[in-house]
């Protein structure tokens, strides 16, 4: 379908579902469609639900690198951890742009090795 026809079909489906108080399950890997169409999302990977919530919640706080990739590449960047895994605020240095950033306290296993590049 061309974008205009697709949008009008999606609008009609949403309207019909709301009028009849029904749930519609829509499967796609296009996050723009997910943002435009859905109230809630369940992100599946390898047959398991990895994260669920509103599209905005998943965009703002992807639980995994796979979920971040689904929302678009602007949610991912390569950085190197500078601080000890015991620090309250883990510190990273981005490879592109050379910015210093601080993260929320996290499980040590999720921090990655010190002084090695990793995807955040």
PDB file of N, CA and C in Angstrom:
ATOM      1  N   UNK A   1       0.836  -1.178   0.000  1.00  0.00           N
ATOM      2  CA  UNK A   1       0.000   0.000   0.000  1.00  0.00           C
ATOM      3  C   UNK A   1       0.883   1.244   0.000  1.00  0.00           C
ATOM      4  N   UNK A   2       0.389   2.263  -0.650  1.00  0.00           N
ATOM      5  CA  UNK A   2       1.105   3.524  -0.568  1.00  0.00           C
ATOM      6  C   UNK A   2       0.832   4.128   0.813  1.00  0.00           C
ATOM      7  N   UNK A   3       1.670   5.053   1.249  1.00  0.00           N
ATOM      8  CA  UNK A   3       1.537   5.588   2.616  1.00  0.00           C
ATOM      9  C   UNK A   3       0.166   6.185   2.932  1.00  0.00           C
ATOM     10  N   UNK A   4      -0.451   6.866   1.970  1.00  0.00           N
ATOM     11  CA  UNK A   4      -1.757   7.482   2.237  1.00  0.00           C
ATOM     12  C   UNK A   4      -2.836   6.428   2.476  1.00  0.00           C
ATOM     13  N   UNK A   5      -2.861   5.403   1.620  1.00  0.00           N
ATOM     14  CA  UNK A   5      -3.847   4.329   1.773  1.00  0.00           C
ATOM     15  C   UNK A   5      -3.593   3.570   3.073  1.00  0.00           C
ATOM     16  N   UNK A   6      -2.324   3.294   3.371  1.00  0.00           N
ATOM     17  CA  UNK A   6      -1.982   2.584   4.610  1.00  0.00           C
ATOM     18  C   UNK A   6      -2.465   3.378   5.824  1.00  0.00           C
ATOM     19  N   UNK A   7      -2.204   4.684   5.846  1.00  0.00           N
ATOM     20  CA  UNK A   7      -2.629   5.509   6.976  1.00  0.00           C
ATOM     21  C   UNK A   7      -4.140   5.531   7.134  1.00  0.00           C
ATOM     22  N   UNK A   8      -4.876   5.605   6.038  1.00  0.00           N
ATOM     23  CA  UNK A   8      -6.339   5.614   6.144  1.00  0.00           C
ATOM     24  C   UNK A   8      -6.855   4.256   6.614  1.00  0.00           C
ATOM     25  N   UNK A   9      -6.223   3.171   6.188  1.00  0.00           N
ATOM     26  CA  UNK A   9      -6.613   1.835   6.679  1.00  0.00           C
ATOM     27  C   UNK A   9      -6.341   1.709   8.176  1.00  0.00           C
ATOM     28  N   UNK A  10      -5.173   2.177   8.605  1.00  0.00           N
ATOM     29  CA  UNK A  10      -4.832   2.115  10.022  1.00  0.00           C
ATOM     30  C   UNK A  10      -5.804   2.950  10.855  1.00  0.00           C
ATOM     31  N   UNK A  11      -6.180   4.107  10.365  1.00  0.00           N
ATOM     32  CA  UNK A  11      -7.137   4.962  11.074  1.00  0.00           C
ATOM     33  C   UNK A  11      -8.477   4.247  11.204  1.00  0.00           C
ATOM     34  N   UNK A  12      -8.933   3.617  10.133  1.00  0.00           N
ATOM     35  CA  UNK A  12     -10.210   2.893  10.153  1.00  0.00           C
ATOM     36  C   UNK A  12     -10.158   1.711  11.126  1.00  0.00           C
ATOM     37  N   UNK A  13      -9.044   1.006  11.157  1.00  0.00           N
ATOM     38  CA  UNK A  13      -8.895  -0.142  12.063  1.00  0.00           C
ATOM     39  C   UNK A  13      -8.913   0.334  13.515  1.00  0.00           C
ATOM     40  N   UNK A  14      -8.184   1.390  13.831  1.00  0.00           N
ATOM     41  CA  UNK A  14      -8.168   1.927  15.203  1.00  0.00           C
ATOM     42  C   UNK A  14      -9.564   2.378  15.636  1.00  0.00           C
ATOM     43  N   UNK A  15     -10.264   3.055  14.738  1.00  0.00           N
ATOM     44  CA  UNK A  15     -11.605   3.540  15.052  1.00  0.00           C
ATOM     45  C   UNK A  15     -12.556   2.379  15.315  1.00  0.00           C
ATOM     46  N   UNK A  16     -12.530   1.379  14.453  1.00  0.00           N
ATOM     47  CA  UNK A  16     -13.412   0.212  14.611  1.00  0.00           C
ATOM     48  C   UNK A  16     -13.088  -0.543  15.898  1.00  0.00           C
ATOM     49  N   UNK A  17     -11.808  -0.691  16.206  1.00  0.00           N
ATOM     50  CA  UNK A  17     -11.410  -1.409  17.423  1.00  0.00           C
ATOM     51  C   UNK A  17     -11.884  -0.668  18.672  1.00  0.00           C
ATOM     52  N   UNK A  18     -11.749   0.656  18.686  1.00  0.00           N
ATOM     53  CA  UNK A  18     -12.190   1.438  19.847  1.00  0.00           C
ATOM     54  C   UNK A  18     -13.704   1.394  20.003  1.00  0.00           C
ATOM     55  N   UNK A  19     -14.427   1.497  18.886  1.00  0.00           N
ATOM     56  CA  UNK A  19     -15.890   1.467  18.948  1.00  0.00           C
ATOM     57  C   UNK A  19     -16.399   0.137  19.486  1.00  0.00           C
ATOM     58  N   UNK A  20     -15.720  -0.935  19.152  1.00  0.00           N
ATOM     59  CA  UNK A  20     -16.163  -2.273  19.565  1.00  0.00           C
ATOM     60  C   UNK A  20     -15.432  -2.775  20.818  1.00  0.00           C
ATOM     61  N   UNK A  21     -14.582  -1.913  21.383  1.00  0.00           N
ATOM     62  CA  UNK A  21     -13.802  -2.278  22.564  1.00  0.00           C
ATOM     63  C   UNK A  21     -13.013  -3.572  22.328  1.00  0.00           C
ATOM     64  N   UNK A  22     -12.283  -3.598  21.235  1.00  0.00           N
ATOM     65  CA  UNK A  22     -11.496  -4.765  20.851  1.00  0.00           C
ATOM     66  C   UNK A  22     -10.006  -4.445  20.878  1.00  0.00           C
ATOM     67  N   UNK A  23      -9.216  -5.487  20.985  1.00  0.00           N
ATOM     68  CA  UNK A  23      -7.765  -5.377  20.913  1.00  0.00           C
ATOM     69  C   UNK A  23      -7.338  -5.868  19.539  1.00  0.00           C
ATOM     70  N   UNK A  24      -6.468  -5.121  18.903  1.00  0.00           N
ATOM     71  CA  UNK A  24      -5.925  -5.514  17.610  1.00  0.00           C
ATOM     72  C   UNK A  24      -4.446  -5.796  17.792  1.00  0.00           C
ATOM     73  N   UNK A  25      -4.006  -6.944  17.322  1.00  0.00           N
ATOM     74  CA  UNK A  25      -2.589  -7.292  17.373  1.00  0.00           C
ATOM     75  C   UNK A  25      -2.007  -7.021  15.995  1.00  0.00           C
ATOM     76  N   UNK A  26      -0.977  -6.209  15.976  1.00  0.00           N
ATOM     77  CA  UNK A  26      -0.342  -5.775  14.737  1.00  0.00           C
ATOM     78  C   UNK A  26       1.136  -6.111  14.830  1.00  0.00           C
ATOM     79  N   UNK A  27       1.643  -6.867  13.876  1.00  0.00           N
ATOM     80  CA  UNK A  27       3.052  -7.256  13.882  1.00  0.00           C
ATOM     81  C   UNK A  27       3.805  -6.481  12.810  1.00  0.00           C
ATOM     82  N   UNK A  28       4.873  -5.817  13.233  1.00  0.00           N
ATOM     83  CA  UNK A  28       5.708  -5.066  12.304  1.00  0.00           C
ATOM     84  C   UNK A  28       7.081  -4.857  12.922  1.00  0.00           C
ATOM     85  N   UNK A  29       8.036  -4.562  12.083  1.00  0.00           N
ATOM     86  CA  UNK A  29       9.357  -4.179  12.580  1.00  0.00           C
ATOM     87  C   UNK A  29       9.635  -2.710  12.255  1.00  0.00           C
ATOM     88  N   UNK A  30       8.609  -1.991  11.817  1.00  0.00           N
ATOM     89  CA  UNK A  30       8.725  -0.571  11.474  1.00  0.00           C
ATOM     90  C   UNK A  30       8.305   0.260  12.678  1.00  0.00           C
ATOM     91  N   UNK A  31       9.280   0.827  13.373  1.00  0.00           N
ATOM     92  CA  UNK A  31       8.972   1.540  14.615  1.00  0.00           C
ATOM     93  C   UNK A  31       8.153   2.798  14.377  1.00  0.00           C
ATOM     94  N   UNK A  32       8.270   3.408  13.211  1.00  0.00           N
ATOM     95  CA  UNK A  32       7.431   4.568  12.898  1.00  0.00           C
ATOM     96  C   UNK A  32       5.957   4.165  12.888  1.00  0.00           C
ATOM     97  N   UNK A  33       5.655   2.996  12.320  1.00  0.00           N
ATOM     98  CA  UNK A  33       4.273   2.499  12.341  1.00  0.00           C
ATOM     99  C   UNK A  33       3.844   2.194  13.769  1.00  0.00           C
ATOM    100  N   UNK A  34       4.725   1.623  14.539  1.00  0.00           N
ATOM    101  CA  UNK A  34       4.410   1.313  15.933  1.00  0.00           C
ATOM    102  C   UNK A  34       4.062   2.595  16.690  1.00  0.00           C
ATOM    103  N   UNK A  35       4.872   3.637  16.519  1.00  0.00           N
ATOM    104  CA  UNK A  35       4.622   4.914  17.205  1.00  0.00           C
ATOM    105  C   UNK A  35       3.289   5.516  16.770  1.00  0.00           C
ATOM    106  N   UNK A  36       2.966   5.408  15.487  1.00  0.00           N
ATOM    107  CA  UNK A  36       1.748   6.024  14.964  1.00  0.00           C
ATOM    108  C   UNK A  36       0.490   5.243  15.315  1.00  0.00           C
ATOM    109  N   UNK A  37       0.599   3.939  15.441  1.00  0.00           N
ATOM    110  CA  UNK A  37      -0.582   3.088  15.546  1.00  0.00           C
ATOM    111  C   UNK A  37      -0.937   2.586  16.929  1.00  0.00           C
ATOM    112  N   UNK A  38       0.040   2.340  17.735  1.00  0.00           N
ATOM    113  CA  UNK A  38      -0.213   1.531  18.924  1.00  0.00           C
ATOM    114  C   UNK A  38      -0.261   2.335  20.216  1.00  0.00           C
ATOM    115  N   UNK A  39      -0.992   1.776  21.155  1.00  0.00           N
ATOM    116  CA  UNK A  39      -1.027   2.316  22.514  1.00  0.00           C
ATOM    117  C   UNK A  39      -0.015   1.585  23.390  1.00  0.00           C
ATOM    118  N   UNK A  40       0.159   0.298  23.121  1.00  0.00           N
ATOM    119  CA  UNK A  40       1.093  -0.540  23.871  1.00  0.00           C
ATOM    120  C   UNK A  40       1.840  -1.434  22.905  1.00  0.00           C
ATOM    121  N   UNK A  41       3.072  -1.794  23.294  1.00  0.00           N
ATOM    122  CA  UNK A  41       3.950  -2.587  22.452  1.00  0.00           C
ATOM    123  C   UNK A  41       4.526  -3.728  23.281  1.00  0.00           C
ATOM    124  N   UNK A  42       4.683  -4.881  22.657  1.00  0.00           N
ATOM    125  CA  UNK A  42       5.452  -5.978  23.241  1.00  0.00           C
ATOM    126  C   UNK A  42       6.558  -6.293  22.246  1.00  0.00           C
ATOM    127  N   UNK A  43       7.793  -6.118  22.667  1.00  0.00           N
ATOM    128  CA  UNK A  43       8.946  -6.369  21.808  1.00  0.00           C
ATOM    129  C   UNK A  43       9.342  -7.830  21.961  1.00  0.00           C
ATOM    130  N   UNK A  44       9.320  -8.569  20.860  1.00  0.00           N
ATOM    131  CA  UNK A  44       9.645  -9.993  20.860  1.00  0.00           C
ATOM    132  C   UNK A  44      11.029 -10.224  20.284  1.00  0.00           C
ATOM    133  N   UNK A  45      11.748 -11.167  20.881  1.00  0.00           N
ATOM    134  CA  UNK A  45      13.038 -11.598  20.355  1.00  0.00           C
ATOM    135  C   UNK A  45      13.199 -13.071  20.685  1.00  0.00           C
ATOM    136  N   UNK A  46      13.522 -13.840  19.675  1.00  0.00           N
ATOM    137  CA  UNK A  46      13.701 -15.289  19.832  1.00  0.00           C
ATOM    138  C   UNK A  46      12.496 -15.937  20.506  1.00  0.00           C
ATOM    139  N   UNK A  47      11.293 -15.465  20.161  1.00  0.00           N
ATOM    140  CA  UNK A  47      10.066 -16.062  20.661  1.00  0.00           C
ATOM    141  C   UNK A  47       9.677 -15.657  22.070  1.00  0.00           C
ATOM    142  N   UNK A  48      10.373 -14.710  22.668  1.00  0.00           N
ATOM    143  CA  UNK A  48      10.061 -14.275  24.026  1.00  0.00           C
ATOM    144  C   UNK A  48       9.805 -12.771  24.057  1.00  0.00           C
ATOM    145  N   UNK A  49       8.912 -12.356  24.952  1.00  0.00           N
ATOM    146  CA  UNK A  49       8.690 -10.930  25.148  1.00  0.00           C
ATOM    147  C   UNK A  49       9.870 -10.388  25.951  1.00  0.00           C
ATOM    148  N   UNK A  50      10.603  -9.472  25.347  1.00  0.00           N
ATOM    149  CA  UNK A  50      11.786  -8.902  25.986  1.00  0.00           C
ATOM    150  C   UNK A  50      11.460  -7.609  26.740  1.00  0.00           C
ATOM    151  N   UNK A  51      10.442  -6.878  26.251  1.00  0.00           N
ATOM    152  CA  UNK A  51      10.064  -5.617  26.880  1.00  0.00           C
ATOM    153  C   UNK A  51       8.665  -5.265  26.413  1.00  0.00           C
ATOM    154  N   UNK A  52       7.904  -4.631  27.278  1.00  0.00           N
ATOM    155  CA  UNK A  52       6.580  -4.158  26.881  1.00  0.00           C
ATOM    156  C   UNK A  52       6.327  -2.810  27.538  1.00  0.00           C
ATOM    157  N   UNK A  53       5.418  -2.059  26.947  1.00  0.00           N
ATOM    158  CA  UNK A  53       5.077  -0.741  27.455  1.00  0.00           C
ATOM    159  C   UNK A  53       4.563   0.116  26.327  1.00  0.00           C
ATOM    160  N   UNK A  54       4.504   1.407  26.558  1.00  0.00           N
ATOM    161  CA  UNK A  54       4.084   2.301  25.490  1.00  0.00           C
ATOM    162  C   UNK A  54       5.248   2.445  24.509  1.00  0.00           C
ATOM    163  N   UNK A  55       4.952   2.807  23.259  1.00  0.00           N
ATOM    164  CA  UNK A  55       6.052   3.017  22.318  1.00  0.00           C
ATOM    165  C   UNK A  55       7.056   4.057  22.827  1.00  0.00           C
ATOM    166  N   UNK A  56       6.560   5.113  23.469  1.00  0.00           N
ATOM    167  CA  UNK A  56       7.460   6.150  23.990  1.00  0.00           C
ATOM    168  C   UNK A  56       8.347   5.601  25.097  1.00  0.00           C
ATOM    169  N   UNK A  57       7.785   4.746  25.979  1.00  0.00           N
ATOM    170  CA  UNK A  57       8.588   4.134  27.045  1.00  0.00           C
ATOM    171  C   UNK A  57       9.725   3.304  26.466  1.00  0.00           C
ATOM    172  N   UNK A  58       9.418   2.522  25.443  1.00  0.00           N
ATOM    173  CA  UNK A  58      10.442   1.666  24.841  1.00  0.00           C
ATOM    174  C   UNK A  58      11.486   2.512  24.122  1.00  0.00           C
ATOM    175  N   UNK A  59      11.054   3.580  23.475  1.00  0.00           N
ATOM    176  CA  UNK A  59      12.003   4.480  22.818  1.00  0.00           C
ATOM    177  C   UNK A  59      12.913   5.153  23.839  1.00  0.00           C
ATOM    178  N   UNK A  60      12.322   5.652  24.922  1.00  0.00           N
ATOM    179  CA  UNK A  60      13.089   6.379  25.938  1.00  0.00           C
ATOM    180  C   UNK A  60      13.985   5.470  26.772  1.00  0.00           C
ATOM    181  N   UNK A  61      13.533   4.242  27.033  1.00  0.00           N
ATOM    182  CA  UNK A  61      14.260   3.329  27.926  1.00  0.00           C
ATOM    183  C   UNK A  61      14.313   1.921  27.363  1.00  0.00           C
ATOM    184  N   UNK A  62      14.995   1.721  26.238  1.00  0.00           N
ATOM    185  CA  UNK A  62      15.073   0.358  25.704  1.00  0.00           C
ATOM    186  C   UNK A  62      15.820  -0.550  26.676  1.00  0.00           C
ATOM    187  N   UNK A  63      15.266  -1.745  26.907  1.00  0.00           N
ATOM    188  CA  UNK A  63      15.852  -2.656  27.886  1.00  0.00           C
ATOM    189  C   UNK A  63      17.070  -3.400  27.336  1.00  0.00           C
ATOM    190  N   UNK A  64      17.153  -3.523  26.025  1.00  0.00           N
ATOM    191  CA  UNK A  64      18.247  -4.268  25.399  1.00  0.00           C
ATOM    192  C   UNK A  64      18.746  -3.519  24.170  1.00  0.00           C
ATOM    193  N   UNK A  65      19.905  -3.921  23.692  1.00  0.00           N
ATOM    194  CA  UNK A  65      20.423  -3.338  22.455  1.00  0.00           C
ATOM    195  C   UNK A  65      19.481  -3.654  21.300  1.00  0.00           C
ATOM    196  N   UNK A  66      18.891  -4.857  21.290  1.00  0.00           N
ATOM    197  CA  UNK A  66      17.934  -5.209  20.225  1.00  0.00           C
ATOM    198  C   UNK A  66      16.738  -4.255  20.225  1.00  0.00           C
ATOM    199  N   UNK A  67      16.211  -3.952  21.398  1.00  0.00           N
ATOM    200  CA  UNK A  67      15.081  -3.022  21.486  1.00  0.00           C
ATOM    201  C   UNK A  67      15.504  -1.629  21.024  1.00  0.00           C
ATOM    202  N   UNK A  68      16.697  -1.208  21.386  1.00  0.00           N
ATOM    203  CA  UNK A  68      17.194   0.103  20.945  1.00  0.00           C
ATOM    204  C   UNK A  68      17.357   0.136  19.429  1.00  0.00           C
ATOM    205  N   UNK A  69      17.853  -0.946  18.839  1.00  0.00           N
ATOM    206  CA  UNK A  69      17.986  -1.011  17.373  1.00  0.00           C
ATOM    207  C   UNK A  69      16.618  -0.909  16.706  1.00  0.00           C
ATOM    208  N   UNK A  70      15.624  -1.506  17.316  1.00  0.00           N
ATOM    209  CA  UNK A  70      14.267  -1.464  16.752  1.00  0.00           C
ATOM    210  C   UNK A  70      13.759  -0.028  16.689  1.00  0.00           C
ATOM    211  N   UNK A  71      14.108   0.787  17.687  1.00  0.00           N
ATOM    212  CA  UNK A  71      13.609   2.158  17.738  1.00  0.00           C
ATOM    213  C   UNK A  71      14.388   3.100  16.831  1.00  0.00           C
ATOM    214  N   UNK A  72      15.528   2.678  16.364  1.00  0.00           N
ATOM    215  CA  UNK A  72      16.342   3.504  15.477  1.00  0.00           C
ATOM    216  C   UNK A  72      17.758   3.636  15.991  1.00  0.00           C
ATOM    217  N   UNK A  73      18.662   3.856  15.103  1.00  0.00           N
ATOM    218  CA  UNK A  73      20.080   3.910  15.456  1.00  0.00           C
ATOM    219  C   UNK A  73      20.448   5.075  16.375  1.00  0.00           C
ATOM    220  N   UNK A  74      19.594   6.104  16.466  1.00  0.00           N
ATOM    221  CA  UNK A  74      19.929   7.243  17.321  1.00  0.00           C
ATOM    222  C   UNK A  74      19.864   6.891  18.802  1.00  0.00           C
ATOM    223  N   UNK A  75      19.417   5.700  19.143  1.00  0.00           N
ATOM    224  CA  UNK A  75      19.383   5.262  20.535  1.00  0.00           C
ATOM    225  C   UNK A  75      20.632   4.463  20.909  1.00  0.00           C
ATOM    226  N   UNK A  76      21.577   4.331  19.980  1.00  0.00           N
ATOM    227  CA  UNK A  76      22.772   3.530  20.213  1.00  0.00           C
ATOM    228  C   UNK A  76      24.026   4.357  19.961  1.00  0.00           C
ATOM    229  N   UNK A  77      25.031   4.155  20.781  1.00  0.00           N
ATOM    230  CA  UNK A  77      26.320   4.773  20.504  1.00  0.00           C
ATOM    231  C   UNK A  77      27.408   3.946  21.150  1.00  0.00           C
ATOM    232  N   UNK A  78      28.599   4.064  20.589  1.00  0.00           N
ATOM    233  CA  UNK A  78      29.754   3.322  21.081  1.00  0.00           C
ATOM    234  C   UNK A  78      30.494   4.202  22.083  1.00  0.00           C
ATOM    235  N   UNK A  79      30.821   3.598  23.214  1.00  0.00           N
ATOM    236  CA  UNK A  79      31.519   4.335  24.274  1.00  0.00           C
ATOM    237  C   UNK A  79      32.480   3.392  24.981  1.00  0.00           C
ATOM    238  N   UNK A  80      33.325   3.979  25.785  1.00  0.00           N
ATOM    239  CA  UNK A  80      34.294   3.222  26.573  1.00  0.00           C
ATOM    240  C   UNK A  80      34.089   3.589  28.036  1.00  0.00           C
ATOM    241  N   UNK A  81      33.986   2.576  28.893  1.00  0.00           N
ATOM    242  CA  UNK A  81      33.809   2.840  30.327  1.00  0.00           C
ATOM    243  C   UNK A  81      35.135   3.280  30.924  1.00  0.00           C
ATOM    244  N   UNK A  82      35.096   4.358  31.699  1.00  0.00           N
ATOM    245  CA  UNK A  82      36.304   4.914  32.309  1.00  0.00           C
ATOM    246  C   UNK A  82      36.411   4.613  33.788  1.00  0.00           C
ATOM    247  N   UNK A  83      35.277   4.412  34.444  1.00  0.00           N
ATOM    248  CA  UNK A  83      35.274   4.303  35.904  1.00  0.00           C
ATOM    249  C   UNK A  83      35.224   2.849  36.370  1.00  0.00           C
ATOM    250  N   UNK A  84      35.533   2.682  37.631  1.00  0.00           N
ATOM    251  CA  UNK A  84      35.463   1.370  38.265  1.00  0.00           C
ATOM    252  C   UNK A  84      34.012   0.900  38.312  1.00  0.00           C
ATOM    253  N   UNK A  85      33.806  -0.391  38.291  1.00  0.00           N
ATOM    254  CA  UNK A  85      32.444  -0.923  38.375  1.00  0.00           C
ATOM    255  C   UNK A  85      31.840  -0.708  39.752  1.00  0.00           C
ATOM    256  N   UNK A  86      32.631  -0.275  40.724  1.00  0.00           N
ATOM    257  CA  UNK A  86      32.126   0.006  42.070  1.00  0.00           C
ATOM    258  C   UNK A  86      31.686   1.453  42.247  1.00  0.00           C
ATOM    259  N   UNK A  87      31.971   2.307  41.266  1.00  0.00           N
ATOM    260  CA  UNK A  87      31.576   3.717  41.367  1.00  0.00           C
ATOM    261  C   UNK A  87      30.056   3.858  41.353  1.00  0.00           C
ATOM    262  N   UNK A  88      29.565   4.853  42.082  1.00  0.00           N
ATOM    263  CA  UNK A  88      28.125   5.099  42.125  1.00  0.00           C
ATOM    264  C   UNK A  88      27.573   5.512  40.769  1.00  0.00           C
ATOM    265  N   UNK A  89      28.310   6.334  40.032  1.00  0.00           N
ATOM    266  CA  UNK A  89      27.889   6.788  38.711  1.00  0.00           C
ATOM    267  C   UNK A  89      28.914   6.314  37.682  1.00  0.00           C
ATOM    268  N   UNK A  90      28.635   5.226  36.970  1.00  0.00           N
ATOM    269  CA  UNK A  90      29.586   4.772  35.952  1.00  0.00           C
ATOM    270  C   UNK A  90      29.819   5.870  34.911  1.00  0.00           C
ATOM    271  N   UNK A  91      31.078   6.083  34.577  1.00  0.00           N
ATOM    272  CA  UNK A  91      31.443   7.126  33.616  1.00  0.00           C
ATOM    273  C   UNK A  91      31.903   6.485  32.310  1.00  0.00           C
ATOM    274  N   UNK A  92      31.431   7.078  31.197  1.00  0.00           N
ATOM    275  CA  UNK A  92      31.787   6.592  29.869  1.00  0.00           C
ATOM    276  C   UNK A  92      32.292   7.750  29.026  1.00  0.00           C
ATOM    277  N   UNK A  93      33.023   7.419  27.994  1.00  0.00           N
ATOM    278  CA  UNK A  93      33.541   8.384  27.023  1.00  0.00           C
ATOM    279  C   UNK A  93      33.079   7.895  25.653  1.00  0.00           C
ATOM    280  N   UNK A  94      32.289   8.720  24.948  1.00  0.00           N
ATOM    281  CA  UNK A  94      31.798   8.302  23.637  1.00  0.00           C
ATOM    282  C   UNK A  94      32.935   8.344  22.625  1.00  0.00           C
ATOM    283  N   UNK A  95      32.919   7.390  21.705  1.00  0.00           N
ATOM    284  CA  UNK A  95      33.955   7.313  20.681  1.00  0.00           C
ATOM    285  C   UNK A  95      33.730   8.405  19.645  1.00  0.00           C
ATOM    286  N   UNK A  96      32.498   8.516  19.127  1.00  0.00           N
ATOM    287  CA  UNK A  96      32.166   9.604  18.209  1.00  0.00           C
ATOM    288  C   UNK A  96      31.742  10.811  19.042  1.00  0.00           C
ATOM    289  N   UNK A  97      32.400  11.916  18.854  1.00  0.00           N
ATOM    290  CA  UNK A  97      32.049  13.133  19.574  1.00  0.00           C
ATOM    291  C   UNK A  97      32.833  13.355  20.850  1.00  0.00           C
ATOM    292  N   UNK A  98      33.420  12.298  21.372  1.00  0.00           N
ATOM    293  CA  UNK A  98      34.261  12.374  22.565  1.00  0.00           C
ATOM    294  C   UNK A  98      33.590  13.091  23.736  1.00  0.00           C
ATOM    295  N   UNK A  99      32.364  12.675  24.052  1.00  0.00           N
ATOM    296  CA  UNK A  99      31.627  13.234  25.188  1.00  0.00           C
ATOM    297  C   UNK A  99      31.820  12.352  26.413  1.00  0.00           C
ATOM    298  N   UNK A 100      31.835  12.963  27.579  1.00  0.00           N
ATOM    299  CA  UNK A 100      31.845  12.211  28.837  1.00  0.00           C
ATOM    300  C   UNK A 100      30.411  12.136  29.319  1.00  0.00           C
ATOM    301  N   UNK A 101      29.950  10.936  29.604  1.00  0.00           N
ATOM    302  CA  UNK A 101      28.582  10.752  30.094  1.00  0.00           C
ATOM    303  C   UNK A 101      28.602   9.882  31.343  1.00  0.00           C
ATOM    304  N   UNK A 102      27.573  10.039  32.138  1.00  0.00           N
ATOM    305  CA  UNK A 102      27.423   9.255  33.352  1.00  0.00           C
ATOM    306  C   UNK A 102      26.121   8.481  33.266  1.00  0.00           C
ATOM    307  N   UNK A 103      26.145   7.254  33.732  1.00  0.00           N
ATOM    308  CA  UNK A 103      24.977   6.384  33.657  1.00  0.00           C
ATOM    309  C   UNK A 103      24.400   6.151  35.046  1.00  0.00           C
ATOM    310  N   UNK A 104      23.194   5.616  35.062  1.00  0.00           N
ATOM    311  CA  UNK A 104      22.615   5.185  36.336  1.00  0.00           C
ATOM    312  C   UNK A 104      23.409   3.986  36.843  1.00  0.00           C
ATOM    313  N   UNK A 105      23.385   3.794  38.125  1.00  0.00           N
ATOM    314  CA  UNK A 105      24.026   2.615  38.704  1.00  0.00           C
ATOM    315  C   UNK A 105      23.426   1.379  38.043  1.00  0.00           C
ATOM    316  N   UNK A 106      24.242   0.433  37.666  1.00  0.00           N
ATOM    317  CA  UNK A 106      23.788  -0.764  36.950  1.00  0.00           C
ATOM    318  C   UNK A 106      24.477  -2.002  37.496  1.00  0.00           C
ATOM    319  N   UNK A 107      23.920  -3.144  37.162  1.00  0.00           N
ATOM    320  CA  UNK A 107      24.532  -4.415  37.507  1.00  0.00           C
ATOM    321  C   UNK A 107      25.933  -4.454  36.881  1.00  0.00           C
ATOM    322  N   UNK A 108      26.919  -4.876  37.636  1.00  0.00           N
ATOM    323  CA  UNK A 108      28.304  -4.878  37.157  1.00  0.00           C
ATOM    324  C   UNK A 108      28.458  -5.633  35.841  1.00  0.00           C
ATOM    325  N   UNK A 109      27.699  -6.706  35.650  1.00  0.00           N
ATOM    326  CA  UNK A 109      27.809  -7.500  34.420  1.00  0.00           C
ATOM    327  C   UNK A 109      27.375  -6.707  33.199  1.00  0.00           C
ATOM    328  N   UNK A 110      26.494  -5.718  33.384  1.00  0.00           N
ATOM    329  CA  UNK A 110      25.985  -4.929  32.264  1.00  0.00           C
ATOM    330  C   UNK A 110      26.903  -3.764  31.898  1.00  0.00           C
ATOM    331  N   UNK A 111      27.861  -3.444  32.750  1.00  0.00           N
ATOM    332  CA  UNK A 111      28.728  -2.297  32.504  1.00  0.00           C
ATOM    333  C   UNK A 111      29.770  -2.544  31.418  1.00  0.00           C
ATOM    334  N   UNK A 112      30.147  -3.775  31.192  1.00  0.00           N
ATOM    335  CA  UNK A 112      31.175  -4.080  30.210  1.00  0.00           C
ATOM    336  C   UNK A 112      32.557  -3.846  30.787  1.00  0.00           C
ATOM    337  N   UNK A 113      33.565  -4.331  30.080  1.00  0.00           N
ATOM    338  CA  UNK A 113      34.929  -4.197  30.585  1.00  0.00           C
ATOM    339  C   UNK A 113      35.417  -2.750  30.543  1.00  0.00           C
ATOM    340  N   UNK A 114      36.246  -2.405  31.508  1.00  0.00           N
ATOM    341  CA  UNK A 114      36.796  -1.047  31.566  1.00  0.00           C
ATOM    342  C   UNK A 114      37.787  -0.849  30.427  1.00  0.00           C
ATOM    343  N   UNK A 115      37.799   0.353  29.866  1.00  0.00           N
ATOM    344  CA  UNK A 115      38.710   0.749  28.793  1.00  0.00           C
ATOM    345  C   UNK A 115      38.569  -0.081  27.515  1.00  0.00           C
ATOM    346  N   UNK A 116      37.385  -0.614  27.268  1.00  0.00           N
ATOM    347  CA  UNK A 116      37.105  -1.304  26.004  1.00  0.00           C
ATOM    348  C   UNK A 116      35.800  -0.750  25.442  1.00  0.00           C
ATOM    349  N   UNK A 117      35.738  -0.645  24.108  1.00  0.00           N
ATOM    350  CA  UNK A 117      34.533  -0.118  23.471  1.00  0.00           C
ATOM    351  C   UNK A 117      33.360  -1.055  23.663  1.00  0.00           C
ATOM    352  N   UNK A 118      32.182  -0.446  23.866  1.00  0.00           N
ATOM    353  CA  UNK A 118      30.948  -1.213  23.976  1.00  0.00           C
ATOM    354  C   UNK A 118      29.810  -0.365  23.448  1.00  0.00           C
ATOM    355  N   UNK A 119      28.714  -0.997  23.093  1.00  0.00           N
ATOM    356  CA  UNK A 119      27.541  -0.279  22.606  1.00  0.00           C
ATOM    357  C   UNK A 119      26.611   0.008  23.750  1.00  0.00           C
ATOM    358  N   UNK A 120      26.258   1.278  23.906  1.00  0.00           N
ATOM    359  CA  UNK A 120      25.281   1.698  24.926  1.00  0.00           C
ATOM    360  C   UNK A 120      23.997   2.060  24.226  1.00  0.00           C
TER     361      UNK A 120
END
